[in-house]
Amino acid sequence: MSTTRSSTAAGKVLKVLAAFDREHTSQTLSQIAQRTGLALSTTHRVVAELAEWGALERDEDGAWHVGLRLWEITSGCPRTQILRDAALPFMQDLYEATHENIQLAVREGTELVFVERITGHRSVQLLTGVGTRFPVGSTGMGRVLLAHAPRDLQEEVLESPLRAWTPHTVTDPKTLRAQLDRIRREQVFISDRQLSPDTVAVAAPVRIGRTGPVSAALGIVVAASGASNARELREPLLRAVHGISDELGRRAHTTG
């Protein structure tokens, strides 16, 4: 955030809100001030105003966290609300058929944002969760979205240093470029221990209608120990993404 923007009242509010993320869900006033770089007195004033409005709440230990009112507003984001409403019935059917982690994600710039997930208590533990972000090249679902992103954005990602999350992560641009070509041809992509050494993901693109633009990616994440069965998930995954795509196409036609 620029110095000019962060010096305005709105800029200070945004800096305080941006201090909260998955790794910092609960913070003291001093911690918020330290993360934002704002003076403690300024932080106290901004936090008090946000708390009065309901954007922040304070727990019994005196630490602050995101409030219910802010969640209510963000959960109504049209881009994700329509997608989630259309996708959830098919995600639930896919979970019943597989009893594995089912995830839905969208691309925002060069990042992947997870917007919905269905999981069971026996499902393998994930690094990802609703609202979390990862570089778009880091996950199986992200690579599906990257394969269908504009060419200039693909090149931006390929020309940037790629993090090796595990010894299996593909970071060579030439190899990754070939992988993206294969994803466009085959629809379904199996990501073998790219993000975590314990998981394998099977992902496919969700379109607006069968032939429309890609709007999201749907994925199934299984334990790496069960990777030999990953190919068996291709057909149920395709049925789900086709169902979601058809529903998004229907809604687009109805409201268009």
Protein backbone atom coordinates (compact mmCIF):
# COMPACT_ATOMS: atom_id res chain seq x y z
CA MET A 1 0.00 0.00 0.00
CA SER A 2 1.41 3.40 -0.98
CA THR A 3 2.38 5.99 1.63
CA THR A 4 -0.25 8.44 0.36
CA ARG A 5 -3.02 5.86 0.45
CA SER A 6 -2.06 4.50 3.87
CA SER A 7 -2.06 8.02 5.37
CA THR A 8 -5.78 8.51 4.69
CA ALA A 9 -8.47 7.40 7.12
CA ALA A 10 -9.64 4.70 4.72
CA GLY A 11 -6.06 3.57 4.15
CA LYS A 12 -5.52 3.08 7.88
CA VAL A 13 -8.71 1.07 8.16
CA LEU A 14 -7.62 -1.15 5.28
CA LYS A 15 -4.18 -1.64 6.83
CA VAL A 16 -5.76 -2.81 10.09
CA LEU A 17 -8.09 -5.22 8.31
CA ALA A 18 -5.24 -6.52 6.15
CA ALA A 19 -3.30 -7.37 9.32
CA PHE A 20 -5.64 -10.34 9.83
CA ASP A 21 -5.05 -13.49 7.79
CA ARG A 22 -4.92 -17.25 8.26
CA GLU A 23 -1.68 -17.03 10.24
CA HIS A 24 -2.85 -14.05 12.31
CA THR A 25 -6.51 -14.65 13.10
CA SER A 26 -6.31 -13.26 16.63
CA GLN A 27 -4.07 -10.36 17.69
CA THR A 28 -3.54 -7.92 20.52
CA LEU A 29 -3.64 -4.19 19.91
CA SER A 30 0.17 -4.04 20.08
CA GLN A 31 0.51 -6.83 17.54
CA ILE A 32 -1.86 -5.05 15.15
CA ALA A 33 0.14 -1.84 15.51
CA GLN A 34 3.38 -3.71 14.85
CA ARG A 35 2.02 -5.46 11.74
CA THR A 36 0.49 -2.29 10.29
CA GLY A 37 3.28 0.13 11.21
CA LEU A 38 0.70 2.51 12.69
CA ALA A 39 1.18 4.32 15.96
CA LEU A 40 -0.42 2.54 18.93
CA SER A 41 -2.77 5.47 19.54
CA THR A 42 -3.88 5.45 15.89
CA THR A 43 -4.32 1.68 15.96
CA HIS A 44 -6.44 1.97 19.12
CA ARG A 45 -8.72 4.54 17.47
CA VAL A 46 -9.14 2.61 14.22
CA VAL A 47 -9.75 -0.70 16.02
CA ALA A 48 -12.34 0.95 18.29
CA GLU A 49 -14.22 2.34 15.28
CA LEU A 50 -14.14 -1.01 13.50
CA ALA A 51 -15.33 -2.77 16.65
CA GLU A 52 -18.22 -0.33 17.09
CA TRP A 53 -19.34 -1.07 13.53
CA GLY A 54 -18.91 -4.85 13.99
CA ALA A 55 -15.94 -5.47 11.69
CA LEU A 56 -13.75 -6.55 14.62
CA GLU A 57 -14.60 -8.36 17.84
CA ARG A 58 -12.67 -8.86 21.06
CA ASP A 59 -12.41 -12.21 22.86
CA GLU A 60 -12.22 -12.90 26.59
CA ASP A 61 -8.42 -12.73 26.54
CA GLY A 62 -8.48 -9.23 25.08
CA ALA A 63 -7.29 -10.22 21.60
CA TRP A 64 -9.03 -8.97 18.47
CA HIS A 65 -10.36 -10.98 15.53
CA VAL A 66 -12.54 -10.40 12.45
CA GLY A 67 -16.15 -9.72 13.38
CA LEU A 68 -19.34 -11.36 12.22
CA ARG A 69 -20.61 -8.29 10.37
CA LEU A 70 -17.56 -8.20 8.11
CA TRP A 71 -18.01 -11.90 7.35
CA GLU A 72 -21.68 -11.29 6.47
CA ILE A 73 -20.69 -8.63 3.94
CA THR A 74 -17.85 -10.57 2.31
CA SER A 75 -19.91 -13.76 2.06
CA GLY A 76 -22.25 -11.91 -0.29
CA CYS A 77 -19.55 -11.24 -2.90
CA PRO A 78 -21.46 -11.77 -6.20
CA ARG A 79 -18.52 -13.39 -7.98
CA THR A 80 -18.25 -16.21 -5.46
CA GLN A 81 -21.84 -16.35 -4.22
CA ILE A 82 -23.31 -17.32 -7.60
CA LEU A 83 -20.50 -19.82 -8.16
CA ARG A 84 -20.89 -21.40 -4.72
CA ASP A 85 -24.68 -21.64 -5.01
CA ALA A 86 -24.37 -23.39 -8.37
CA ALA A 87 -21.50 -25.65 -7.30
CA LEU A 88 -22.49 -26.84 -3.82
CA PRO A 89 -25.09 -29.47 -4.82
CA PHE A 90 -22.61 -31.06 -7.24
CA MET A 91 -19.80 -30.82 -4.69
CA GLN A 92 -22.00 -32.59 -2.17
CA ASP A 93 -22.79 -35.36 -4.67
CA LEU A 94 -19.08 -35.69 -5.47
CA TYR A 95 -18.22 -35.95 -1.79
CA GLU A 96 -20.86 -38.65 -1.27
CA ALA A 97 -19.37 -40.57 -4.20
CA THR A 98 -15.76 -40.30 -3.02
CA HIS A 99 -15.69 -39.29 0.68
CA GLU A 100 -12.59 -37.25 -0.11
CA ASN A 101 -11.80 -33.54 0.18
CA ILE A 102 -13.70 -31.52 -2.43
CA GLN A 103 -12.48 -27.97 -3.13
CA LEU A 104 -13.58 -25.08 -5.34
CA ALA A 105 -11.23 -22.21 -6.23
CA VAL A 106 -11.00 -19.14 -8.45
CA ARG A 107 -8.06 -17.19 -9.82
CA GLU A 108 -7.37 -13.62 -8.78
CA GLY A 109 -4.42 -12.27 -10.70
CA THR A 110 -1.51 -14.62 -10.12
CA GLU A 111 -3.08 -16.13 -7.00
CA LEU A 112 -5.50 -18.94 -6.32
CA VAL A 113 -8.29 -18.31 -3.78
CA PHE A 114 -10.24 -21.22 -2.28
CA VAL A 115 -13.93 -20.29 -2.00
CA GLU A 116 -15.60 -23.52 -0.85
CA ARG A 117 -14.70 -26.91 0.57
CA ILE A 118 -16.42 -30.09 1.71
CA THR A 119 -14.49 -32.54 3.82
CA GLY A 120 -15.01 -35.38 6.27
CA HIS A 121 -13.32 -36.32 9.51
CA ARG A 122 -11.55 -39.20 7.76
CA SER A 123 -10.27 -37.08 4.87
CA VAL A 124 -6.57 -36.32 4.61
CA GLN A 125 -5.52 -33.08 6.32
CA LEU A 126 -4.98 -30.12 3.97
CA LEU A 127 -2.80 -27.03 3.92
CA THR A 128 -5.61 -25.17 2.20
CA GLY A 129 -8.93 -23.83 3.45
CA VAL A 130 -11.73 -21.49 2.44
CA GLY A 131 -10.32 -18.00 2.02
CA THR A 132 -6.69 -19.08 1.77
CA ARG A 133 -4.51 -17.96 -1.13
CA PHE A 134 -1.62 -19.63 -2.88
CA PRO A 135 0.46 -18.70 -5.92
CA VAL A 136 -1.51 -19.97 -8.90
CA GLY A 137 1.31 -22.27 -9.98
CA SER A 138 1.56 -24.04 -6.63
CA THR A 139 -1.47 -26.34 -6.64
CA GLY A 140 -3.19 -28.70 -9.02
CA MET A 141 -6.29 -26.51 -9.15
CA GLY A 142 -4.10 -23.45 -9.63
CA ARG A 143 -2.34 -25.02 -12.61
CA VAL A 144 -5.69 -25.84 -14.18
CA LEU A 145 -6.66 -22.18 -13.87
CA LEU A 146 -3.24 -21.05 -15.07
CA ALA A 147 -3.56 -23.25 -18.16
CA HIS A 148 -6.70 -21.32 -19.11
CA ALA A 149 -5.45 -17.87 -18.09
CA PRO A 150 -4.39 -15.19 -20.61
CA ARG A 151 -1.02 -15.94 -22.21
CA ASP A 152 0.64 -12.83 -20.80
CA LEU A 153 -0.31 -13.88 -17.26
CA GLN A 154 0.99 -17.39 -17.91
CA GLU A 155 4.32 -15.97 -19.02
CA GLU A 156 4.44 -13.68 -15.99
CA VAL A 157 4.10 -16.70 -13.71
CA LEU A 158 6.51 -18.86 -15.71
CA GLU A 159 9.15 -16.14 -15.76
CA SER A 160 8.96 -15.63 -11.98
CA PRO A 161 10.78 -17.84 -9.47
CA LEU A 162 8.57 -20.81 -8.59
CA ARG A 163 8.63 -22.15 -5.05
CA ALA A 164 9.41 -25.82 -4.57
CA TRP A 165 6.93 -26.84 -1.87
CA THR A 166 8.08 -30.46 -1.95
CA PRO A 167 10.82 -32.44 -3.72
CA HIS A 168 8.15 -33.32 -6.32
CA THR A 169 7.13 -29.75 -7.19
CA VAL A 170 7.64 -28.89 -10.86
CA THR A 171 9.48 -25.56 -11.03
CA ASP A 172 11.21 -25.76 -14.41
CA PRO A 173 9.39 -23.30 -16.74
CA LYS A 174 9.82 -25.51 -19.82
CA THR A 175 8.38 -28.55 -18.05
CA LEU A 176 5.55 -26.52 -16.56
CA ARG A 177 4.70 -24.97 -19.94
CA ALA A 178 4.35 -28.48 -21.40
CA GLN A 179 2.23 -29.44 -18.42
CA LEU A 180 -0.13 -26.53 -19.06
CA ASP A 181 -0.49 -27.61 -22.70
CA ARG A 182 -1.41 -31.11 -21.54
CA ILE A 183 -3.97 -29.74 -19.10
CA ARG A 184 -5.72 -27.85 -21.93
CA ARG A 185 -5.86 -31.03 -24.01
CA GLU A 186 -6.88 -33.52 -21.33
CA GLN A 187 -9.16 -31.39 -19.06
CA VAL A 188 -8.32 -33.36 -15.91
CA PHE A 189 -4.96 -32.85 -14.20
CA ILE A 190 -3.44 -35.09 -11.52
CA SER A 191 -1.12 -33.10 -9.28
CA ASP A 192 1.17 -35.58 -7.54
CA ARG A 193 2.52 -34.23 -4.22
CA GLN A 194 3.17 -30.77 -5.69
CA LEU A 195 2.01 -28.80 -2.63
CA SER A 196 2.29 -31.38 0.13
CA PRO A 197 4.22 -34.66 0.25
CA ASP A 198 1.11 -36.27 1.74
CA THR A 199 -1.52 -35.36 -0.86
CA VAL A 200 -2.45 -35.86 -4.50
CA ALA A 201 -5.02 -33.62 -6.21
CA VAL A 202 -7.23 -34.32 -9.21
CA ALA A 203 -8.52 -31.08 -10.74
CA ALA A 204 -10.58 -29.88 -13.70
CA PRO A 205 -11.85 -26.52 -15.02
CA VAL A 206 -15.37 -25.22 -14.39
CA ARG A 207 -16.79 -23.20 -17.28
CA ILE A 208 -19.79 -20.96 -17.82
CA GLY A 209 -21.63 -23.44 -20.02
CA ARG A 210 -19.82 -26.38 -21.61
CA THR A 211 -17.85 -24.21 -24.04
CA GLY A 212 -17.74 -20.90 -22.18
CA PRO A 213 -14.83 -19.27 -20.37
CA VAL A 214 -13.23 -21.00 -17.38
CA SER A 215 -14.52 -19.42 -14.18
CA ALA A 216 -13.17 -21.78 -11.50
CA ALA A 217 -11.48 -25.09 -10.79
CA LEU A 218 -12.89 -28.06 -8.92
CA GLY A 219 -10.59 -30.52 -7.23
CA ILE A 220 -10.51 -33.73 -5.21
CA VAL A 221 -7.61 -34.12 -2.78
CA VAL A 222 -6.64 -37.57 -1.55
CA ALA A 223 -3.86 -39.03 0.54
CA ALA A 224 -0.69 -39.72 -1.42
CA SER A 225 -0.87 -43.31 -0.16
CA GLY A 226 -4.03 -43.69 -2.24
CA ALA A 227 -2.61 -42.06 -5.36
CA SER A 228 -2.95 -45.28 -7.33
CA ASN A 229 -6.72 -44.72 -7.29
CA ALA A 230 -6.51 -41.08 -8.41
CA ARG A 231 -7.33 -41.89 -12.04
CA GLU A 232 -10.58 -43.51 -10.94
CA LEU A 233 -11.70 -40.06 -9.76
CA ARG A 234 -11.55 -38.61 -13.27
CA GLU A 235 -15.08 -39.57 -14.33
CA PRO A 236 -16.93 -38.48 -11.15
CA LEU A 237 -14.97 -35.23 -11.21
CA LEU A 238 -15.90 -34.57 -14.84
CA ARG A 239 -19.57 -35.26 -14.11
CA ALA A 240 -19.45 -32.68 -11.33
CA VAL A 241 -17.68 -29.97 -13.36
CA HIS A 242 -20.02 -30.53 -16.30
CA GLY A 243 -23.00 -30.20 -13.97
CA ILE A 244 -21.67 -26.98 -12.45
CA SER A 245 -20.77 -25.60 -15.87
CA ASP A 246 -24.25 -26.34 -17.20
CA GLU A 247 -25.84 -24.66 -14.20
CA LEU A 248 -23.63 -21.57 -14.53
CA GLY A 249 -24.48 -21.43 -18.23
CA ARG A 250 -28.20 -21.67 -17.46
CA ARG A 251 -27.98 -18.88 -14.90
CA ALA A 252 -25.96 -16.69 -17.25
CA HIS A 253 -28.53 -17.20 -19.99
CA THR A 254 -31.43 -16.46 -17.62
CA THR A 255 -29.91 -13.23 -16.32
CA GLY A 256 -28.28 -12.17 -19.60
